[in-house]
Amino acid sequence: YIHVWDLPVPDISTQSPMEICADNDLVIEASVTGGSGNYVRYTWTGDGITYLSETDVLQPTFNSEIDATYNLNLEVEDSNGCINNDNDQVLVHPNPTPEINPNPAVVCQYEVLELGTDMGMTEYEWTGDVQILNSTSVFNPDVNTSNPGEYNLLLQVTDNNGCIGNTSVPVIIRANPVVDAGPDQTYDQGLT
């Protein structure tokens, strides 16, 4: 007689393509059903395997610093020798690289200074010496330049993919010179 075994049914992901930000870990939550129920081999192939933590486990971790779309294939073999596979993609989004203008920010005391960075992000978070800023959650905060000194500001931005970028800017507020013409004197102007 002939016995026909059910194939194992691998499923790489319920979301296709899987999305991640560059240089972040993505645990691939692959699963297998059907077949004998005893799976003896997992083999990952495709142009994305370089970025997998392992290529012979069911749920490896993917991490790439390079934004691109990567193809992955998972082949599963069960204890009956039955083999099946599933294909999917990982879309790696670039992390934003914010720039702050001016950088460095050098002004004289009481001058107007507005820092500016890329618009279009979903979140802005200024940290560091933020006591000189009028807001820590906008892309273009005004700087209070009344207190001379050197201040360091850090900016973290988040884009619409949830990817995060960081940068910093030194702010140098120079004291205005003090003018001293000596003690006040009164002169009598005579008429001739």
Protein backbone atom coordinates (compact mmCIF):
# COMPACT_ATOMS: atom_id res chain seq x y z
CA TYR A 1 0.00 0.00 0.00
CA ILE A 2 1.05 3.65 -0.41
CA HIS A 3 1.12 6.05 2.51
CA VAL A 4 0.99 9.78 1.76
CA TRP A 5 2.28 12.05 4.50
CA ASP A 6 1.08 15.60 5.04
CA LEU A 7 3.67 18.26 4.28
CA PRO A 8 4.92 20.54 7.01
CA VAL A 9 3.59 24.07 6.49
CA PRO A 10 6.12 26.79 7.42
CA ASP A 11 4.97 30.39 7.85
CA ILE A 12 7.74 32.96 8.14
CA SER A 13 5.54 35.88 9.20
CA THR A 14 1.95 37.05 9.40
CA GLN A 15 3.12 40.47 8.14
CA SER A 16 4.59 40.68 4.67
CA PRO A 17 6.96 42.27 4.18
CA MET A 18 8.38 42.36 7.69
CA GLU A 19 9.64 45.88 8.44
CA ILE A 20 12.48 47.05 10.67
CA CYS A 21 14.74 50.08 11.05
CA ALA A 22 18.39 49.77 10.11
CA ASP A 23 20.67 48.37 12.82
CA ASN A 24 17.77 47.05 14.92
CA ASP A 25 17.00 43.45 15.83
CA LEU A 26 14.00 41.70 14.32
CA VAL A 27 13.20 38.30 15.78
CA ILE A 28 11.58 36.40 12.94
CA GLU A 29 8.60 34.68 14.54
CA ALA A 30 8.33 31.84 12.05
CA SER A 31 6.12 28.85 12.80
CA VAL A 32 5.46 25.40 11.37
CA THR A 33 2.28 23.33 11.43
CA GLY A 34 1.30 20.01 9.84
CA GLY A 35 3.58 17.22 8.73
CA SER A 36 4.69 14.73 11.33
CA GLY A 37 4.85 17.44 14.01
CA ASN A 38 8.50 16.59 14.60
CA TYR A 39 10.68 18.92 12.54
CA VAL A 40 14.27 17.81 12.05
CA ARG A 41 15.72 20.54 9.82
CA TYR A 42 15.31 24.27 9.28
CA THR A 43 17.29 25.89 6.45
CA TRP A 44 17.21 29.60 5.65
CA THR A 45 18.33 30.81 2.21
CA GLY A 46 18.01 34.01 0.18
CA ASP A 47 19.93 37.25 -0.15
CA GLY A 48 19.11 38.21 3.45
CA ILE A 49 20.75 35.25 5.21
CA THR A 50 23.97 37.21 5.79
CA TYR A 51 22.02 39.28 8.32
CA LEU A 52 20.52 36.32 10.23
CA SER A 53 21.92 35.30 13.60
CA GLU A 54 21.61 31.65 12.57
CA THR A 55 20.47 29.84 9.42
CA ASP A 56 19.44 26.50 10.95
CA VAL A 57 16.86 27.49 13.59
CA LEU A 58 13.18 28.29 13.29
CA GLN A 59 13.28 31.82 14.73
CA PRO A 60 16.57 33.61 14.01
CA THR A 61 17.22 37.31 14.57
CA PHE A 62 17.66 39.61 11.55
CA ASN A 63 19.79 42.78 11.76
CA SER A 64 21.15 44.89 8.89
CA GLU A 65 22.66 48.37 8.87
CA ILE A 66 21.89 48.67 5.15
CA ASP A 67 18.43 49.85 4.11
CA ALA A 68 17.08 47.56 1.39
CA THR A 69 14.55 44.81 0.76
CA TYR A 70 15.87 41.31 1.54
CA ASN A 71 14.41 37.99 0.41
CA LEU A 72 14.28 35.04 2.79
CA ASN A 73 13.26 31.42 2.22
CA LEU A 74 12.65 28.92 5.03
CA GLU A 75 12.78 25.22 4.15
CA VAL A 76 11.50 22.76 6.77
CA GLU A 77 11.90 18.99 6.86
CA ASP A 78 9.91 16.75 9.19
CA SER A 79 10.76 13.31 10.59
CA ASN A 80 9.00 11.64 7.65
CA GLY A 81 11.43 13.33 5.23
CA CYS A 82 8.72 15.62 3.88
CA ILE A 83 9.97 19.08 2.88
CA ASN A 84 8.17 22.35 2.30
CA ASN A 85 9.14 26.04 2.26
CA ASP A 86 7.88 29.59 2.63
CA ASN A 87 9.21 32.87 1.25
CA ASP A 88 9.02 36.37 2.65
CA GLN A 89 10.81 39.70 2.62
CA VAL A 90 12.36 42.01 5.19
CA LEU A 91 12.16 45.72 4.38
CA VAL A 92 14.89 47.64 6.22
CA HIS A 93 14.16 51.37 6.55
CA PRO A 94 17.02 53.87 6.90
CA ASN A 95 17.41 55.71 10.18
CA PRO A 96 17.01 59.47 9.80
CA THR A 97 20.16 61.57 10.00
CA PRO A 98 19.03 64.91 11.38
CA GLU A 99 21.10 68.03 10.86
CA ILE A 100 20.87 71.06 13.12
CA ASN A 101 21.42 74.57 11.78
CA PRO A 102 23.43 76.46 12.70
CA ASN A 103 26.00 73.96 13.97
CA PRO A 104 27.88 75.01 15.95
CA ALA A 105 25.57 77.76 17.16
CA VAL A 106 27.62 80.77 18.25
CA VAL A 107 25.86 84.01 19.18
CA CYS A 108 26.34 87.05 21.36
CA GLN A 109 24.29 87.56 24.47
CA TYR A 110 20.69 88.68 23.80
CA GLU A 111 20.88 87.95 20.05
CA VAL A 112 18.00 85.98 18.54
CA LEU A 113 18.85 82.33 17.90
CA GLU A 114 16.50 79.73 16.49
CA LEU A 115 17.81 76.22 15.99
CA GLY A 116 16.42 74.38 13.02
CA THR A 117 16.36 70.77 11.89
CA ASP A 118 14.57 68.59 9.37
CA MET A 119 10.82 69.00 9.31
CA GLY A 120 8.65 66.00 8.56
CA MET A 121 9.57 63.82 11.51
CA THR A 122 6.87 62.52 13.82
CA GLU A 123 8.78 63.27 17.05
CA TYR A 124 11.53 65.62 18.20
CA GLU A 125 13.18 65.31 21.59
CA TRP A 126 15.85 67.78 22.72
CA THR A 127 17.91 66.76 25.76
CA GLY A 128 21.06 68.00 27.45
CA ASP A 129 21.25 71.64 28.56
CA VAL A 130 17.61 72.29 27.60
CA GLN A 131 17.09 75.11 30.13
CA ILE A 132 18.01 77.50 27.29
CA LEU A 133 15.22 76.24 24.98
CA ASN A 134 11.63 77.43 24.82
CA SER A 135 10.50 73.89 23.87
CA THR A 136 12.02 70.40 23.87
CA SER A 137 9.58 68.80 21.41
CA VAL A 138 9.63 70.98 18.27
CA PHE A 139 11.90 71.02 15.25
CA ASN A 140 12.88 74.69 15.64
CA PRO A 141 13.16 75.80 19.27
CA ASP A 142 14.11 79.35 20.21
CA VAL A 143 17.19 79.73 22.38
CA ASN A 144 17.25 82.05 25.40
CA THR A 145 20.59 83.82 24.94
CA SER A 146 20.54 85.90 28.12
CA ASN A 147 23.02 83.71 30.03
CA PRO A 148 26.50 83.47 28.48
CA GLY A 149 28.16 80.07 28.47
CA GLU A 150 28.65 76.85 26.60
CA TYR A 151 25.71 74.47 26.31
CA ASN A 152 25.40 71.05 24.72
CA LEU A 153 22.14 69.94 23.16
CA LEU A 154 21.22 66.50 21.87
CA LEU A 155 18.39 65.90 19.41
CA GLN A 156 16.61 62.62 18.81
CA VAL A 157 14.12 62.44 15.94
CA THR A 158 11.66 59.71 14.99
CA ASP A 159 10.36 59.33 11.44
CA ASN A 160 7.03 57.94 10.24
CA ASN A 161 8.51 54.39 10.14
CA GLY A 162 9.44 54.61 13.82
CA CYS A 163 13.14 54.86 12.95
CA ILE A 164 15.32 56.99 15.22
CA GLY A 165 18.23 59.31 14.49
CA ASN A 166 20.42 61.37 16.81
CA THR A 167 22.71 64.37 16.56
CA SER A 168 24.09 67.10 18.78
CA VAL A 169 24.97 70.77 18.65
CA PRO A 170 27.14 72.97 20.88
CA VAL A 171 25.60 76.34 21.67
CA ILE A 172 28.05 79.08 22.65
CA ILE A 173 26.59 82.31 23.98
CA ARG A 174 29.27 85.00 24.23
CA ALA A 175 28.96 87.73 26.82
CA ASN A 176 28.56 91.22 25.42
CA PRO A 177 31.53 93.47 26.10
CA VAL A 178 31.22 95.91 28.95
CA VAL A 179 31.94 99.46 27.87
CA ASP A 180 33.47 101.75 30.50
CA ALA A 181 34.33 105.33 29.54
CA GLY A 182 35.27 106.23 33.11
CA PRO A 183 33.30 108.18 35.68
CA ASP A 184 30.60 110.52 34.50
CA GLN A 185 31.77 114.09 34.13
CA THR A 186 29.86 117.29 33.68
CA TYR A 187 31.16 120.05 31.46
CA ASP A 188 29.93 123.55 31.46
CA GLN A 189 29.59 124.96 28.04
CA GLY A 190 30.14 128.59 27.93
CA LEU A 191 28.55 130.86 25.37
CA THR A 192 30.72 133.30 23.54
